[in-house]
Amino acid sequence: MNKAKILHLVIDLSDFGGAEMTLLRYLSQTEAAAEHHAVLTLKAIKPGPSVGAEIMKLGVPVHSLSISGAKSMLAALPRLVQD
């Protein structure tokens, strides 16, 4: 029986805030997280150390819509459907 895929929707994974760290801890302690979980962030993940980078190291797919304002929000809608 296939397990459902869980999508975690977050605003930003570039910092090490409380909610982001909680998601990282949860995923790091979840069996087969890479197979059953994915993360969608609204903002782009900045290069360098970040929670997003740590989640990717776990093998969990991280998708970014790279939204930075109203115009980019409209442009992100087709990418949301594709991801």
PDB file of N, CA and C in Angstrom:
ATOM      1  N   MET A   1       0.838  -1.182   0.000  1.00  0.00           N
ATOM      2  CA  MET A   1       0.000   0.000   0.000  1.00  0.00           C
ATOM      3  C   MET A   1       0.883   1.245   0.000  1.00  0.00           C
ATOM      4  N   ASN A   2       0.616   2.175  -0.898  1.00  0.00           N
ATOM      5  CA  ASN A   2       1.390   3.406  -0.991  1.00  0.00           C
ATOM      6  C   ASN A   2       0.987   4.381   0.098  1.00  0.00           C
ATOM      7  N   LYS A   3       1.985   4.962   0.731  1.00  0.00           N
ATOM      8  CA  LYS A   3       1.705   6.008   1.707  1.00  0.00           C
ATOM      9  C   LYS A   3       1.491   7.320   0.972  1.00  0.00           C
ATOM     10  N   ALA A   4       0.671   8.163   1.551  1.00  0.00           N
ATOM     11  CA  ALA A   4       0.418   9.475   0.957  1.00  0.00           C
ATOM     12  C   ALA A   4       1.670  10.340   1.063  1.00  0.00           C
ATOM     13  N   LYS A   5       1.841  11.220   0.111  1.00  0.00           N
ATOM     14  CA  LYS A   5       2.938  12.180   0.125  1.00  0.00           C
ATOM     15  C   LYS A   5       2.460  13.415   0.889  1.00  0.00           C
ATOM     16  N   ILE A   6       3.263  13.898   1.803  1.00  0.00           N
ATOM     17  CA  ILE A   6       2.912  15.064   2.607  1.00  0.00           C
ATOM     18  C   ILE A   6       3.686  16.266   2.085  1.00  0.00           C
ATOM     19  N   LEU A   7       2.970  17.340   1.770  1.00  0.00           N
ATOM     20  CA  LEU A   7       3.578  18.571   1.292  1.00  0.00           C
ATOM     21  C   LEU A   7       3.540  19.599   2.422  1.00  0.00           C
ATOM     22  N   HIS A   8       4.714  20.084   2.800  1.00  0.00           N
ATOM     23  CA  HIS A   8       4.824  21.119   3.827  1.00  0.00           C
ATOM     24  C   HIS A   8       4.976  22.454   3.105  1.00  0.00           C
ATOM     25  N   LEU A   9       4.035  23.358   3.302  1.00  0.00           N
ATOM     26  CA  LEU A   9       4.058  24.675   2.672  1.00  0.00           C
ATOM     27  C   LEU A   9       4.589  25.676   3.684  1.00  0.00           C
ATOM     28  N   VAL A  10       5.697  26.342   3.326  1.00  0.00           N
ATOM     29  CA  VAL A  10       6.310  27.335   4.213  1.00  0.00           C
ATOM     30  C   VAL A  10       6.588  28.606   3.420  1.00  0.00           C
ATOM     31  N   ILE A  11       6.718  29.703   4.134  1.00  0.00           N
ATOM     32  CA  ILE A  11       6.975  30.979   3.472  1.00  0.00           C
ATOM     33  C   ILE A  11       8.444  31.098   3.080  1.00  0.00           C
ATOM     34  N   ASP A  12       9.352  30.772   4.005  1.00  0.00           N
ATOM     35  CA  ASP A  12      10.780  31.006   3.762  1.00  0.00           C
ATOM     36  C   ASP A  12      11.601  29.974   4.514  1.00  0.00           C
ATOM     37  N   LEU A  13      12.636  29.451   3.879  1.00  0.00           N
ATOM     38  CA  LEU A  13      13.548  28.499   4.525  1.00  0.00           C
ATOM     39  C   LEU A  13      14.980  29.020   4.571  1.00  0.00           C
ATOM     40  N   SER A  14      15.148  30.323   4.427  1.00  0.00           N
ATOM     41  CA  SER A  14      16.494  30.887   4.395  1.00  0.00           C
ATOM     42  C   SER A  14      17.066  31.164   5.780  1.00  0.00           C
ATOM     43  N   ASP A  15      16.217  31.219   6.787  1.00  0.00           N
ATOM     44  CA  ASP A  15      16.681  31.519   8.142  1.00  0.00           C
ATOM     45  C   ASP A  15      16.635  30.274   9.015  1.00  0.00           C
ATOM     46  N   PHE A  16      17.012  30.433  10.258  1.00  0.00           N
ATOM     47  CA  PHE A  16      16.974  29.350  11.230  1.00  0.00           C
ATOM     48  C   PHE A  16      15.984  29.695  12.336  1.00  0.00           C
ATOM     49  N   GLY A  17      14.766  30.073  11.951  1.00  0.00           N
ATOM     50  CA  GLY A  17      13.726  30.434  12.917  1.00  0.00           C
ATOM     51  C   GLY A  17      13.120  29.211  13.585  1.00  0.00           C
ATOM     52  N   GLY A  18      12.237  29.461  14.532  1.00  0.00           N
ATOM     53  CA  GLY A  18      11.639  28.383  15.322  1.00  0.00           C
ATOM     54  C   GLY A  18      10.824  27.400  14.503  1.00  0.00           C
ATOM     55  N   ALA A  19       9.929  27.904  13.652  1.00  0.00           N
ATOM     56  CA  ALA A  19       9.087  27.011  12.853  1.00  0.00           C
ATOM     57  C   ALA A  19       9.933  26.218  11.855  1.00  0.00           C
ATOM     58  N   GLU A  20      10.909  26.880  11.261  1.00  0.00           N
ATOM     59  CA  GLU A  20      11.773  26.209  10.287  1.00  0.00           C
ATOM     60  C   GLU A  20      12.591  25.104  10.955  1.00  0.00           C
ATOM     61  N   MET A  21      13.116  25.404  12.138  1.00  0.00           N
ATOM     62  CA  MET A  21      13.907  24.408  12.865  1.00  0.00           C
ATOM     63  C   MET A  21      13.037  23.240  13.324  1.00  0.00           C
ATOM     64  N   THR A  22      11.791  23.525  13.686  1.00  0.00           N
ATOM     65  CA  THR A  22      10.879  22.451  14.072  1.00  0.00           C
ATOM     66  C   THR A  22      10.619  21.520  12.892  1.00  0.00           C
ATOM     67  N   LEU A  23      10.415  22.085  11.702  1.00  0.00           N
ATOM     68  CA  LEU A  23      10.221  21.265  10.510  1.00  0.00           C
ATOM     69  C   LEU A  23      11.471  20.431  10.231  1.00  0.00           C
ATOM     70  N   LEU A  24      12.638  21.026  10.335  1.00  0.00           N
ATOM     71  CA  LEU A  24      13.890  20.294  10.118  1.00  0.00           C
ATOM     72  C   LEU A  24      14.033  19.142  11.116  1.00  0.00           C
ATOM     73  N   ARG A  25      13.768  19.405  12.387  1.00  0.00           N
ATOM     74  CA  ARG A  25      13.864  18.340  13.404  1.00  0.00           C
ATOM     75  C   ARG A  25      12.859  17.224  13.107  1.00  0.00           C
ATOM     76  N   TYR A  26      11.643  17.605  12.744  1.00  0.00           N
ATOM     77  CA  TYR A  26      10.616  16.602  12.433  1.00  0.00           C
ATOM     78  C   TYR A  26      11.057  15.728  11.261  1.00  0.00           C
ATOM     79  N   LEU A  27      11.509  16.347  10.194  1.00  0.00           N
ATOM     80  CA  LEU A  27      11.909  15.581   9.016  1.00  0.00           C
ATOM     81  C   LEU A  27      13.130  14.710   9.291  1.00  0.00           C
ATOM     82  N   SER A  28      14.056  15.218  10.091  1.00  0.00           N
ATOM     83  CA  SER A  28      15.268  14.443  10.381  1.00  0.00           C
ATOM     84  C   SER A  28      14.971  13.232  11.262  1.00  0.00           C
ATOM     85  N   GLN A  29      13.854  13.250  11.981  1.00  0.00           N
ATOM     86  CA  GLN A  29      13.501  12.138  12.860  1.00  0.00           C
ATOM     87  C   GLN A  29      12.403  11.253  12.280  1.00  0.00           C
ATOM     88  N   THR A  30      11.973  11.552  11.057  1.00  0.00           N
ATOM     89  CA  THR A  30      10.906  10.792  10.415  1.00  0.00           C
ATOM     90  C   THR A  30      11.498   9.725   9.509  1.00  0.00           C
ATOM     91  N   GLU A  31      11.044   8.509   9.696  1.00  0.00           N
ATOM     92  CA  GLU A  31      11.535   7.402   8.880  1.00  0.00           C
ATOM     93  C   GLU A  31      11.121   7.603   7.429  1.00  0.00           C
ATOM     94  N   ALA A  32      12.050   7.447   6.526  1.00  0.00           N
ATOM     95  CA  ALA A  32      11.819   7.566   5.077  1.00  0.00           C
ATOM     96  C   ALA A  32      11.216   8.916   4.708  1.00  0.00           C
ATOM     97  N   ALA A  33      11.690   9.981   5.334  1.00  0.00           N
ATOM     98  CA  ALA A  33      11.163  11.331   5.073  1.00  0.00           C
ATOM     99  C   ALA A  33      11.298  11.707   3.608  1.00  0.00           C
ATOM    100  N   ALA A  34      12.398  11.322   2.987  1.00  0.00           N
ATOM    101  CA  ALA A  34      12.632  11.687   1.585  1.00  0.00           C
ATOM    102  C   ALA A  34      11.608  11.054   0.649  1.00  0.00           C
ATOM    103  N   GLU A  35      11.048   9.919   1.037  1.00  0.00           N
ATOM    104  CA  GLU A  35      10.073   9.233   0.193  1.00  0.00           C
ATOM    105  C   GLU A  35       8.660   9.757   0.380  1.00  0.00           C
ATOM    106  N   HIS A  36       8.356  10.268   1.565  1.00  0.00           N
ATOM    107  CA  HIS A  36       6.968  10.583   1.893  1.00  0.00           C
ATOM    108  C   HIS A  36       6.697  12.065   2.139  1.00  0.00           C
ATOM    109  N   HIS A  37       7.720  12.898   2.074  1.00  0.00           N
ATOM    110  CA  HIS A  37       7.546  14.319   2.356  1.00  0.00           C
ATOM    111  C   HIS A  37       8.174  15.160   1.244  1.00  0.00           C
ATOM    112  N   ALA A  38       7.641  16.347   1.054  1.00  0.00           N
ATOM    113  CA  ALA A  38       8.209  17.357   0.162  1.00  0.00           C
ATOM    114  C   ALA A  38       7.920  18.712   0.795  1.00  0.00           C
ATOM    115  N   VAL A  39       8.738  19.699   0.477  1.00  0.00           N
ATOM    116  CA  VAL A  39       8.572  21.035   1.031  1.00  0.00           C
ATOM    117  C   VAL A  39       8.438  22.021  -0.122  1.00  0.00           C
ATOM    118  N   LEU A  40       7.475  22.921  -0.010  1.00  0.00           N
ATOM    119  CA  LEU A  40       7.271  23.989  -0.976  1.00  0.00           C
ATOM    120  C   LEU A  40       7.419  25.313  -0.240  1.00  0.00           C
ATOM    121  N   THR A  41       8.379  26.116  -0.659  1.00  0.00           N
ATOM    122  CA  THR A  41       8.608  27.414  -0.042  1.00  0.00           C
ATOM    123  C   THR A  41       8.199  28.516  -1.029  1.00  0.00           C
ATOM    124  N   LEU A  42       7.584  29.551  -0.494  1.00  0.00           N
ATOM    125  CA  LEU A  42       7.132  30.645  -1.348  1.00  0.00           C
ATOM    126  C   LEU A  42       8.290  31.532  -1.790  1.00  0.00           C
ATOM    127  N   LYS A  43       9.247  31.782  -0.904  1.00  0.00           N
ATOM    128  CA  LYS A  43      10.396  32.629  -1.236  1.00  0.00           C
ATOM    129  C   LYS A  43      11.572  31.771  -1.677  1.00  0.00           C
ATOM    130  N   ALA A  44      12.478  32.369  -2.417  1.00  0.00           N
ATOM    131  CA  ALA A  44      13.669  31.658  -2.880  1.00  0.00           C
ATOM    132  C   ALA A  44      14.589  31.356  -1.699  1.00  0.00           C
ATOM    133  N   ILE A  45      15.279  30.235  -1.783  1.00  0.00           N
ATOM    134  CA  ILE A  45      16.259  29.883  -0.759  1.00  0.00           C
ATOM    135  C   ILE A  45      17.573  30.552  -1.128  1.00  0.00           C
ATOM    136  N   LYS A  46      18.080  31.360  -0.216  1.00  0.00           N
ATOM    137  CA  LYS A  46      19.329  32.078  -0.474  1.00  0.00           C
ATOM    138  C   LYS A  46      20.508  31.112  -0.387  1.00  0.00           C
ATOM    139  N   PRO A  47      21.563  31.376  -1.157  1.00  0.00           N
ATOM    140  CA  PRO A  47      22.750  30.522  -1.084  1.00  0.00           C
ATOM    141  C   PRO A  47      23.386  30.614   0.301  1.00  0.00           C
ATOM    142  N   GLY A  48      24.033  29.563   0.687  1.00  0.00           N
ATOM    143  CA  GLY A  48      24.708  29.537   1.977  1.00  0.00           C
ATOM    144  C   GLY A  48      23.934  28.701   2.980  1.00  0.00           C
ATOM    145  N   PRO A  49      24.371  28.728   4.230  1.00  0.00           N
ATOM    146  CA  PRO A  49      23.720  27.927   5.267  1.00  0.00           C
ATOM    147  C   PRO A  49      22.268  28.364   5.472  1.00  0.00           C
ATOM    148  N   SER A  50      21.371  27.388   5.496  1.00  0.00           N
ATOM    149  CA  SER A  50      19.959  27.671   5.722  1.00  0.00           C
ATOM    150  C   SER A  50      19.251  26.384   6.114  1.00  0.00           C
ATOM    151  N   VAL A  51      18.054  26.519   6.637  1.00  0.00           N
ATOM    152  CA  VAL A  51      17.253  25.342   6.950  1.00  0.00           C
ATOM    153  C   VAL A  51      16.906  24.606   5.653  1.00  0.00           C
ATOM    154  N   GLY A  52      16.645  25.356   4.589  1.00  0.00           N
ATOM    155  CA  GLY A  52      16.344  24.729   3.306  1.00  0.00           C
ATOM    156  C   GLY A  52      17.476  23.822   2.840  1.00  0.00           C
ATOM    157  N   ALA A  53      18.700  24.284   2.985  1.00  0.00           N
ATOM    158  CA  ALA A  53      19.859  23.473   2.592  1.00  0.00           C
ATOM    159  C   ALA A  53      19.955  22.213   3.456  1.00  0.00           C
ATOM    160  N   GLU A  54      19.666  22.349   4.736  1.00  0.00           N
ATOM    161  CA  GLU A  54      19.723  21.194   5.640  1.00  0.00           C
ATOM    162  C   GLU A  54      18.633  20.178   5.295  1.00  0.00           C
ATOM    163  N   ILE A  55      17.452  20.658   4.939  1.00  0.00           N
ATOM    164  CA  ILE A  55      16.369  19.752   4.551  1.00  0.00           C
ATOM    165  C   ILE A  55      16.738  19.029   3.258  1.00  0.00           C
ATOM    166  N   MET A  56      17.349  19.735   2.312  1.00  0.00           N
ATOM    167  CA  MET A  56      17.773  19.098   1.065  1.00  0.00           C
ATOM    168  C   MET A  56      18.827  18.024   1.328  1.00  0.00           C
ATOM    169  N   LYS A  57      19.701  18.242   2.323  1.00  0.00           N
ATOM    170  CA  LYS A  57      20.713  17.233   2.670  1.00  0.00           C
ATOM    171  C   LYS A  57      20.066  15.938   3.142  1.00  0.00           C
ATOM    172  N   LEU A  58      18.847  16.032   3.700  1.00  0.00           N
ATOM    173  CA  LEU A  58      18.127  14.840   4.135  1.00  0.00           C
ATOM    174  C   LEU A  58      17.550  14.065   2.952  1.00  0.00           C
ATOM    175  N   GLY A  59      17.592  14.676   1.769  1.00  0.00           N
ATOM    176  CA  GLY A  59      17.041  14.042   0.586  1.00  0.00           C
ATOM    177  C   GLY A  59      15.582  14.382   0.341  1.00  0.00           C
ATOM    178  N   VAL A  60      15.027  15.257   1.169  1.00  0.00           N
ATOM    179  CA  VAL A  60      13.637  15.668   1.016  1.00  0.00           C
ATOM    180  C   VAL A  60      13.570  16.697  -0.114  1.00  0.00           C
ATOM    181  N   PRO A  61      12.695  16.499  -1.090  1.00  0.00           N
ATOM    182  CA  PRO A  61      12.580  17.467  -2.181  1.00  0.00           C
ATOM    183  C   PRO A  61      12.101  18.826  -1.670  1.00  0.00           C
ATOM    184  N   VAL A  62      12.792  19.885  -2.072  1.00  0.00           N
ATOM    185  CA  VAL A  62      12.407  21.255  -1.708  1.00  0.00           C
ATOM    186  C   VAL A  62      12.189  22.022  -3.006  1.00  0.00           C
ATOM    187  N   HIS A  63      10.996  22.551  -3.173  1.00  0.00           N
ATOM    188  CA  HIS A  63      10.639  23.333  -4.351  1.00  0.00           C
ATOM    189  C   HIS A  63      10.405  24.777  -3.921  1.00  0.00           C
ATOM    190  N   SER A  64      10.825  25.718  -4.740  1.00  0.00           N
ATOM    191  CA  SER A  64      10.666  27.129  -4.424  1.00  0.00           C
ATOM    192  C   SER A  64       9.892  27.831  -5.527  1.00  0.00           C
ATOM    193  N   LEU A  65       8.929  28.653  -5.127  1.00  0.00           N
ATOM    194  CA  LEU A  65       8.189  29.452  -6.100  1.00  0.00           C
ATOM    195  C   LEU A  65       8.855  30.803  -6.338  1.00  0.00           C
ATOM    196  N   SER A  66       9.839  31.163  -5.528  1.00  0.00           N
ATOM    197  CA  SER A  66      10.624  32.401  -5.671  1.00  0.00           C
ATOM    198  C   SER A  66       9.748  33.650  -5.744  1.00  0.00           C
ATOM    199  N   ILE A  67       8.765  33.732  -4.884  1.00  0.00           N
ATOM    200  CA  ILE A  67       7.881  34.895  -4.851  1.00  0.00           C
ATOM    201  C   ILE A  67       8.553  36.013  -4.051  1.00  0.00           C
ATOM    202  N   SER A  68       8.584  37.215  -4.646  1.00  0.00           N
ATOM    203  CA  SER A  68       9.176  38.357  -3.950  1.00  0.00           C
ATOM    204  C   SER A  68       8.264  39.575  -3.978  1.00  0.00           C
ATOM    205  N   GLY A  69       7.118  39.474  -4.595  1.00  0.00           N
ATOM    206  CA  GLY A  69       6.181  40.586  -4.664  1.00  0.00           C
ATOM    207  C   GLY A  69       4.942  40.178  -5.437  1.00  0.00           C
ATOM    208  N   ALA A  70       4.042  41.134  -5.636  1.00  0.00           N
ATOM    209  CA  ALA A  70       2.767  40.837  -6.289  1.00  0.00           C
ATOM    210  C   ALA A  70       2.940  40.313  -7.712  1.00  0.00           C
ATOM    211  N   LYS A  71       3.835  40.929  -8.492  1.00  0.00           N
ATOM    212  CA  LYS A  71       4.041  40.483  -9.870  1.00  0.00           C
ATOM    213  C   LYS A  71       4.571  39.051  -9.920  1.00  0.00           C
ATOM    214  N   SER A  72       5.535  38.763  -9.064  1.00  0.00           N
ATOM    215  CA  SER A  72       6.108  37.418  -9.081  1.00  0.00           C
ATOM    216  C   SER A  72       5.108  36.383  -8.555  1.00  0.00           C
ATOM    217  N   MET A  73       4.123  36.830  -7.760  1.00  0.00           N
ATOM    218  CA  MET A  73       3.101  35.906  -7.272  1.00  0.00           C
ATOM    219  C   MET A  73       2.251  35.400  -8.438  1.00  0.00           C
ATOM    220  N   LEU A  74       1.899  36.291  -9.344  1.00  0.00           N
ATOM    221  CA  LEU A  74       1.124  35.881 -10.517  1.00  0.00           C
ATOM    222  C   LEU A  74       1.934  34.966 -11.427  1.00  0.00           C
ATOM    223  N   ALA A  75       3.205  35.265 -11.577  1.00  0.00           N
ATOM    224  CA  ALA A  75       4.071  34.441 -12.414  1.00  0.00           C
ATOM    225  C   ALA A  75       4.302  33.063 -11.790  1.00  0.00           C
ATOM    226  N   ALA A  76       4.166  32.957 -10.471  1.00  0.00           N
ATOM    227  CA  ALA A  76       4.416  31.695  -9.778  1.00  0.00           C
ATOM    228  C   ALA A  76       3.262  30.707  -9.909  1.00  0.00           C
ATOM    229  N   LEU A  77       2.081  31.184 -10.245  1.00  0.00           N
ATOM    230  CA  LEU A  77       0.926  30.281 -10.326  1.00  0.00           C
ATOM    231  C   LEU A  77       1.132  29.106 -11.285  1.00  0.00           C
ATOM    232  N   PRO A  78       1.628  29.329 -12.503  1.00  0.00           N
ATOM    233  CA  PRO A  78       1.866  28.175 -13.371  1.00  0.00           C
ATOM    234  C   PRO A  78       2.909  27.207 -12.798  1.00  0.00           C
ATOM    235  N   ARG A  79       3.932  27.727 -12.121  1.00  0.00           N
ATOM    236  CA  ARG A  79       4.957  26.858 -11.519  1.00  0.00           C
ATOM    237  C   ARG A  79       4.358  26.034 -10.381  1.00  0.00           C
ATOM    238  N   LEU A  80       3.394  26.603  -9.667  1.00  0.00           N
ATOM    239  CA  LEU A  80       2.746  25.879  -8.581  1.00  0.00           C
ATOM    240  C   LEU A  80       2.016  24.655  -9.122  1.00  0.00           C
ATOM    241  N   VAL A  81       1.366  24.810 -10.240  1.00  0.00           N
ATOM    242  CA  VAL A  81       0.632  23.702 -10.854  1.00  0.00           C
ATOM    243  C   VAL A  81       1.605  22.639 -11.362  1.00  0.00           C
ATOM    244  N   GLN A  82       2.761  23.074 -11.903  1.00  0.00           N
ATOM    245  CA  GLN A  82       3.754  22.122 -12.420  1.00  0.00           C
ATOM    246  C   GLN A  82       4.416  21.347 -11.306  1.00  0.00           C
ATOM    247  N   ASP A  83       4.768  22.013 -10.213  1.00  0.00           N
ATOM    248  CA  ASP A  83       5.469  21.348  -9.103  1.00  0.00           C
ATOM    249  C   ASP A  83       4.518  20.384  -8.429  1.00  0.00           C
TER     250      ASP A  83
END
